[in-house]
C-alpha atoms as a PDB file:
ATOM      1  CA  MET A   1      34.759  40.339 -10.615  1.00  0.00           C
ATOM      2  CA  SER A   2      38.275  42.299  -9.570  1.00  0.00           C
ATOM      3  CA  ILE A   3      40.310  41.243  -6.274  1.00  0.00           C
ATOM      4  CA  GLY A   4      39.605  44.115  -4.424  1.00  0.00           C
ATOM      5  CA  SER A   5      35.793  43.881  -5.067  1.00  0.00           C
ATOM      6  CA  TYR A   6      36.009  39.532  -3.626  1.00  0.00           C
ATOM      7  CA  LEU A   7      38.101  41.144  -0.347  1.00  0.00           C
ATOM      8  CA  ALA A   8      35.747  43.994   0.022  1.00  0.00           C
ATOM      9  CA  LEU A   9      32.812  40.886   0.168  1.00  0.00           C
ATOM     10  CA  MET A  10      34.328  39.014   2.352  1.00  0.00           C
ATOM     11  CA  GLY A  11      35.722  41.361   4.719  1.00  0.00           C
ATOM     12  CA  VAL A  12      32.118  42.097   5.432  1.00  0.00           C
ATOM     13  CA  TRP A  13      30.821  39.073   5.842  1.00  0.00           C
ATOM     14  CA  LEU A  14      33.291  37.690   7.728  1.00  0.00           C
ATOM     15  CA  ALA A  15      32.754  40.714  10.161  1.00  0.00           C
ATOM     16  CA  GLY A  16      29.031  40.252   9.755  1.00  0.00           C
ATOM     17  CA  VAL A  17      29.511  35.959  10.412  1.00  0.00           C
ATOM     18  CA  VAL A  18      32.137  36.148  13.365  1.00  0.00           C
ATOM     19  CA  SER A  19      29.999  38.834  15.322  1.00  0.00           C
ATOM     20  CA  PRO A  20      27.275  37.823  17.426  1.00  0.00           C
ATOM     21  CA  GLY A  21      23.662  37.163  17.271  1.00  0.00           C
ATOM     22  CA  PRO A  22      20.964  34.120  17.080  1.00  0.00           C
ATOM     23  CA  ASP A  23      23.292  31.761  15.098  1.00  0.00           C
ATOM     24  CA  ALA A  24      26.309  32.091  17.010  1.00  0.00           C
ATOM     25  CA  VAL A  25      24.363  31.413  20.142  1.00  0.00           C
ATOM     26  CA  VAL A  26      22.218  28.608  19.318  1.00  0.00           C
ATOM     27  CA  VAL A  27      25.631  26.707  18.191  1.00  0.00           C
ATOM     28  CA  LEU A  28      26.893  27.017  21.168  1.00  0.00           C
ATOM     29  CA  ARG A  29      23.505  26.278  22.972  1.00  0.00           C
ATOM     30  CA  GLN A  30      23.512  22.986  20.858  1.00  0.00           C
ATOM     31  CA  SER A  31      27.081  21.893  21.602  1.00  0.00           C
ATOM     32  CA  VAL A  32      27.260  22.538  25.174  1.00  0.00           C
ATOM     33  CA  LEU A  33      23.869  21.589  26.219  1.00  0.00           C
ATOM     34  CA  GLY A  34      23.619  18.459  23.552  1.00  0.00           C
ATOM     35  CA  SER A  35      26.876  17.872  21.916  1.00  0.00           C
ATOM     36  CA  ARG A  36      29.443  18.305  19.256  1.00  0.00           C
ATOM     37  CA  ARG A  37      27.741  16.230  16.939  1.00  0.00           C
ATOM     38  CA  LEU A  38      24.719  18.512  17.753  1.00  0.00           C
ATOM     39  CA  GLY A  39      26.666  21.415  16.871  1.00  0.00           C
ATOM     40  CA  ILE A  40      28.357  20.722  14.435  1.00  0.00           C
ATOM     41  CA  ALA A  41      25.093  19.530  12.659  1.00  0.00           C
ATOM     42  CA  THR A  42      23.119  23.264  13.688  1.00  0.00           C
ATOM     43  CA  ALA A  43      26.338  24.732  12.270  1.00  0.00           C
ATOM     44  CA  LEU A  44      25.108  23.049   8.867  1.00  0.00           C
ATOM     45  CA  GLY A  45      21.805  23.874   9.274  1.00  0.00           C
ATOM     46  CA  ILE A  46      23.169  27.753   9.058  1.00  0.00           C
ATOM     47  CA  ALA A  47      25.135  27.236   6.350  1.00  0.00           C
ATOM     48  CA  THR A  48      22.408  25.443   5.029  1.00  0.00           C
ATOM     49  CA  GLY A  49      20.227  28.809   5.830  1.00  0.00           C
ATOM     50  CA  ILE A  50      23.196  31.053   4.347  1.00  0.00           C
ATOM     51  CA  ALA A  51      22.496  29.052   0.718  1.00  0.00           C
ATOM     52  CA  VAL A  52      19.266  29.826   0.682  1.00  0.00           C
ATOM     53  CA  TRP A  53      19.790  33.418   1.194  1.00  0.00           C
ATOM     54  CA  VAL A  54      22.607  33.294  -1.939  1.00  0.00           C
ATOM     55  CA  THR A  55      19.745  31.578  -3.741  1.00  0.00           C
ATOM     56  CA  VAL A  56      17.946  33.737  -3.666  1.00  0.00           C
ATOM     57  CA  ALA A  57      20.109  37.032  -3.768  1.00  0.00           C
ATOM     58  CA  MET A  58      21.307  35.736  -6.676  1.00  0.00           C
ATOM     59  CA  LEU A  59      18.505  35.212  -8.682  1.00  0.00           C
ATOM     60  CA  GLY A  60      17.540  38.767  -7.818  1.00  0.00           C
ATOM     61  CA  VAL A  61      13.939  38.121  -5.294  1.00  0.00           C
ATOM     62  CA  ALA A  62      16.228  39.342  -2.500  1.00  0.00           C
ATOM     63  CA  ALA A  63      14.161  42.673  -3.000  1.00  0.00           C
ATOM     64  CA  GLY A  64      10.630  40.682  -2.132  1.00  0.00           C
ATOM     65  CA  PRO A  65       7.752  42.313  -0.355  1.00  0.00           C
ATOM     66  CA  PRO A  66       9.254  44.080   2.473  1.00  0.00           C
ATOM     67  CA  LYS A  67       6.420  42.440   4.607  1.00  0.00           C
ATOM     68  CA  VAL A  68       7.149  38.985   4.505  1.00  0.00           C
ATOM     69  CA  LEU A  69      10.339  39.220   5.297  1.00  0.00           C
ATOM     70  CA  ALA A  70       8.879  41.087   8.738  1.00  0.00           C
ATOM     71  CA  ALA A  71       6.427  38.716   9.843  1.00  0.00           C
ATOM     72  CA  VAL A  72       9.895  35.704   8.724  1.00  0.00           C
ATOM     73  CA  GLN A  73      11.876  38.055  11.625  1.00  0.00           C
ATOM     74  CA  ILE A  74       8.684  37.681  13.832  1.00  0.00           C
ATOM     75  CA  LEU A  75       8.493  34.139  13.583  1.00  0.00           C
ATOM     76  CA  GLY A  76      12.201  34.769  14.558  1.00  0.00           C
ATOM     77  CA  ALA A  77      11.370  36.029  17.161  1.00  0.00           C
ATOM     78  CA  ALA A  78       8.938  33.397  18.575  1.00  0.00           C
ATOM     79  CA  LEU A  79      11.614  30.815  17.789  1.00  0.00           C
ATOM     80  CA  LEU A  80      14.070  32.701  20.067  1.00  0.00           C
ATOM     81  CA  LEU A  81      11.818  33.046  22.447  1.00  0.00           C
ATOM     82  CA  TYR A  82      11.149  29.074  22.701  1.00  0.00           C
ATOM     83  CA  LEU A  83      14.752  28.446  22.755  1.00  0.00           C
ATOM     84  CA  ALA A  84      15.053  30.487  25.711  1.00  0.00           C
ATOM     85  CA  VAL A  85      12.093  28.960  27.935  1.00  0.00           C
ATOM     86  CA  ALA A  86      13.704  25.566  26.630  1.00  0.00           C
ATOM     87  CA  THR A  87      17.344  26.653  27.789  1.00  0.00           C
ATOM     88  CA  LEU A  88      16.082  27.628  30.970  1.00  0.00           C
ATOM     89  CA  ARG A  89      13.918  23.778  31.459  1.00  0.00           C
ATOM     90  CA  ALA A  90      16.786  21.903  30.631  1.00  0.00           C
ATOM     91  CA  ARG A  91      17.993  19.904  33.156  1.00  0.00           C
ATOM     92  CA  PRO A  92      21.480  21.371  34.505  1.00  0.00           C
ATOM     93  CA  LEU A  93      24.744  19.503  33.005  1.00  0.00           C
ATOM     94  CA  THR A  94      27.160  17.494  35.395  1.00  0.00           C
ATOM     95  CA  ASP A  95      30.813  15.577  34.611  1.00  0.00           C
ATOM     96  CA  THR A  96      28.384  12.534  34.290  1.00  0.00           C
ATOM     97  CA  ALA A  97      24.989  13.617  32.440  1.00  0.00           C
ATOM     98  CA  THR A  98      24.829  15.516  30.007  1.00  0.00           C
ATOM     99  CA  GLY A  99      21.155  16.788  30.720  1.00  0.00           C
ATOM    100  CA  THR A 100      18.453  16.061  28.998  1.00  0.00           C
ATOM    101  CA  SER A 101      18.845  16.403  24.627  1.00  0.00           C
ATOM    102  CA  PRO A 102      15.886  14.766  23.083  1.00  0.00           C
ATOM    103  CA  GLN A 103      17.331  16.646  19.750  1.00  0.00           C
ATOM    104  CA  SER A 104      18.448  14.128  16.847  1.00  0.00           C
ATOM    105  CA  PRO A 105      21.154  15.432  14.014  1.00  0.00           C
ATOM    106  CA  SER A 106      18.431  15.732  11.705  1.00  0.00           C
ATOM    107  CA  THR A 107      16.310  18.743  14.668  1.00  0.00           C
ATOM    108  CA  SER A 108      19.583  20.622  15.163  1.00  0.00           C
ATOM    109  CA  PHE A 109      20.091  20.545  11.518  1.00  0.00           C
ATOM    110  CA  ALA A 110      16.465  22.238  10.837  1.00  0.00           C
ATOM    111  CA  LEU A 111      16.922  24.669  14.023  1.00  0.00           C
ATOM    112  CA  GLY A 112      20.355  25.788  12.609  1.00  0.00           C
ATOM    113  CA  VAL A 113      18.204  26.590   9.176  1.00  0.00           C
ATOM    114  CA  ALA A 114      15.329  28.079  10.660  1.00  0.00           C
ATOM    115  CA  THR A 115      17.277  30.105  12.931  1.00  0.00           C
ATOM    116  CA  ASN A 116      20.011  31.618   9.923  1.00  0.00           C
ATOM    117  CA  ILE A 117      16.747  32.293   7.466  1.00  0.00           C
ATOM    118  CA  THR A 118      14.918  34.136  10.366  1.00  0.00           C
ATOM    119  CA  ASN A 119      18.059  36.309  11.360  1.00  0.00           C
ATOM    120  CA  PRO A 120      18.023  39.622  11.265  1.00  0.00           C
ATOM    121  CA  LYS A 121      21.792  39.846   9.996  1.00  0.00           C
ATOM    122  CA  ALA A 122      21.297  37.455   7.187  1.00  0.00           C
ATOM    123  CA  VAL A 123      18.055  40.094   5.924  1.00  0.00           C
ATOM    124  CA  VAL A 124      20.116  42.571   6.473  1.00  0.00           C
ATOM    125  CA  PHE A 125      23.078  42.014   4.671  1.00  0.00           C
ATOM    126  CA  PHE A 126      21.103  40.302   1.772  1.00  0.00           C
ATOM    127  CA  MET A 127      18.770  43.079   1.573  1.00  0.00           C
ATOM    128  CA  ALA A 128      20.891  45.855   1.876  1.00  0.00           C
ATOM    129  CA  VAL A 129      24.559  45.039   1.159  1.00  0.00           C
ATOM    130  CA  PHE A 130      24.929  41.623  -0.853  1.00  0.00           C
ATOM    131  CA  ALA A 131      23.575  43.444  -3.618  1.00  0.00           C
ATOM    132  CA  THR A 132      25.948  46.964  -3.909  1.00  0.00           C
ATOM    133  CA  LEU A 133      29.258  44.585  -3.614  1.00  0.00           C
ATOM    134  CA  ILE A 134      28.236  42.312  -6.069  1.00  0.00           C
ATOM    135  CA  PRO A 135      28.565  43.907  -9.836  1.00  0.00           C
ATOM    136  CA  GLN A 136      26.222  43.970 -12.062  1.00  0.00           C
ATOM    137  CA  HIS A 137      28.591  42.512 -14.954  1.00  0.00           C
ATOM    138  CA  ALA A 138      29.847  39.870 -12.743  1.00  0.00           C
ATOM    139  CA  SER A 139      29.903  36.510 -14.787  1.00  0.00           C
ATOM    140  CA  GLY A 140      28.117  33.580 -13.677  1.00  0.00           C
ATOM    141  CA  ALA A 141      31.498  31.850 -12.773  1.00  0.00           C
ATOM    142  CA  ASP A 142      31.859  35.024 -10.336  1.00  0.00           C
ATOM    143  CA  LYS A 143      28.654  34.287  -8.647  1.00  0.00           C
ATOM    144  CA  LEU A 144      29.172  30.623  -8.387  1.00  0.00           C
ATOM    145  CA  THR A 145      32.245  31.487  -6.074  1.00  0.00           C
ATOM    146  CA  VAL A 146      31.428  34.158  -4.193  1.00  0.00           C
ATOM    147  CA  ALA A 147      28.909  31.829  -3.091  1.00  0.00           C
ATOM    148  CA  VAL A 148      30.911  28.457  -1.943  1.00  0.00           C
ATOM    149  CA  LEU A 149      32.906  31.235  -0.420  1.00  0.00           C
ATOM    150  CA  LEU A 150      30.063  32.689   1.894  1.00  0.00           C
ATOM    151  CA  ILE A 151      28.181  28.982   1.876  1.00  0.00           C
ATOM    152  CA  ALA A 152      32.177  27.596   3.414  1.00  0.00           C
ATOM    153  CA  SER A 153      33.420  30.305   6.057  1.00  0.00           C
ATOM    154  CA  GLU A 154      30.764  30.314   7.362  1.00  0.00           C
ATOM    155  CA  ALA A 155      29.961  26.591   7.491  1.00  0.00           C
ATOM    156  CA  ALA A 156      34.320  26.710   8.758  1.00  0.00           C
ATOM    157  CA  TRP A 157      33.447  29.679  11.509  1.00  0.00           C
ATOM    158  CA  PHE A 158      29.946  28.255  12.836  1.00  0.00           C
ATOM    159  CA  GLY A 159      31.762  24.732  12.573  1.00  0.00           C
ATOM    160  CA  ALA A 160      34.980  25.228  14.661  1.00  0.00           C
ATOM    161  CA  LEU A 161      32.787  27.168  17.507  1.00  0.00           C
ATOM    162  CA  ALA A 162      31.130  23.910  17.645  1.00  0.00           C
ATOM    163  CA  TRP A 163      34.298  22.374  17.968  1.00  0.00           C
ATOM    164  CA  PHE A 164      35.650  24.318  21.103  1.00  0.00           C
ATOM    165  CA  ALA A 165      32.439  24.235  23.274  1.00  0.00           C
ATOM    166  CA  SER A 166      32.518  21.153  23.371  1.00  0.00           C
ATOM    167  CA  ALA A 167      36.011  20.612  23.329  1.00  0.00           C
ATOM    168  CA  LYS A 168      36.967  18.271  26.752  1.00  0.00           C
ATOM    169  CA  VAL A 169      38.459  21.854  28.502  1.00  0.00           C
ATOM    170  CA  VAL A 170      36.014  24.135  27.355  1.00  0.00           C
ATOM    171  CA  ASP A 171      32.882  21.655  28.027  1.00  0.00           C
ATOM    172  CA  HIS A 172      34.326  20.979  31.342  1.00  0.00           C
ATOM    173  CA  TRP A 173      34.072  24.463  32.460  1.00  0.00           C
ATOM    174  CA  LEU A 174      30.441  25.568  31.110  1.00  0.00           C
ATOM    175  CA  ARG A 175      29.157  22.185  32.551  1.00  0.00           C
ATOM    176  CA  SER A 176      30.523  23.182  36.523  1.00  0.00           C
ATOM    177  CA  HIS A 177      29.161  26.278  35.287  1.00  0.00           C
ATOM    178  CA  ALA A 178      25.690  25.171  33.547  1.00  0.00           C
ATOM    179  CA  ARG A 179      23.326  26.994  35.712  1.00  0.00           C
ATOM    180  CA  ALA A 180      25.260  30.442  35.105  1.00  0.00           C
ATOM    181  CA  PHE A 181      25.459  29.573  31.472  1.00  0.00           C
ATOM    182  CA  ALA A 182      21.556  28.151  31.164  1.00  0.00           C
ATOM    183  CA  ARG A 183      20.886  31.953  32.624  1.00  0.00           C
ATOM    184  CA  THR A 184      23.018  33.595  30.657  1.00  0.00           C
ATOM    185  CA  THR A 185      22.119  31.707  27.455  1.00  0.00           C
ATOM    186  CA  SER A 186      18.709  32.107  28.095  1.00  0.00           C
ATOM    187  CA  ALA A 187      18.871  35.662  28.394  1.00  0.00           C
ATOM    188  CA  VAL A 188      21.033  36.275  25.392  1.00  0.00           C
ATOM    189  CA  LEU A 189      18.226  34.852  23.638  1.00  0.00           C
ATOM    190  CA  THR A 190      15.321  36.533  24.722  1.00  0.00           C
ATOM    191  CA  ILE A 191      17.415  40.237  24.192  1.00  0.00           C
ATOM    192  CA  LEU A 192      17.532  39.051  20.634  1.00  0.00           C
ATOM    193  CA  ALA A 193      14.097  38.054  19.988  1.00  0.00           C
ATOM    194  CA  GLY A 194      13.500  41.401  21.436  1.00  0.00           C
ATOM    195  CA  VAL A 195      15.282  42.762  18.648  1.00  0.00           C
ATOM    196  CA  VAL A 196      14.406  41.026  15.869  1.00  0.00           C
ATOM    197  CA  LEU A 197      10.649  41.633  17.114  1.00  0.00           C
ATOM    198  CA  TRP A 198      11.777  45.104  17.670  1.00  0.00           C
ATOM    199  CA  SER A 199      12.910  44.686  13.921  1.00  0.00           C
ATOM    200  CA  GLY A 200      10.052  42.344  12.356  1.00  0.00           C
ATOM    201  CA  THR A 201       7.208  44.854  14.224  1.00  0.00           C
ATOM    202  CA  THR A 202       8.601  48.158  12.941  1.00  0.00           C
ATOM    203  CA  GLU A 203       8.733  46.814   9.203  1.00  0.00           C
ATOM    204  CA  LEU A 204       5.688  45.456   9.690  1.00  0.00           C
ATOM    205  CA  LEU A 205       3.669  48.747  10.865  1.00  0.00           C
ATOM    206  CA  ALA A 206       5.082  51.088   8.805  1.00  0.00           C
END
């Protein structure tokens, strides 16, 4: 692969990574309602989800049955709705209390994996964009390099997001606006669930 091919791929990828979506909202939720540790565990789970997508795409299975992908998206919508309700039901945070956060890092990690696997942005990228940006003549070394770059950049971005959200100044501000944060996060998760559900249902009924 040429330098131009790498730049084109990473440009499209990074634009998608930093754009708001389910992954970012879930990392923020776990970081603020939980802790930095949970946020970073979630970020690593998201990166693992990307590793799964990259592996599937590299093996050429990415153009799998649309109905299966649609069903996965519908499951993702259910997960986002569950998180929306759980966010509203969480005990409001204060400077001296961390609220109810029974989740362990392993649970947050699994949540990150599930959120990414069912993320429509990942579906669109790896189903429609990825194959067009990887030349057919790309070598095994090229593909491995691309895989490492995608996974590392994903982990770095969401890890930084978790770190930022749990920084003392930011954390203090978010805790002082805990109710507004919970309501906003729940609303965003609900909207995202609706978008994902619509996408999956439309594809399933097509």
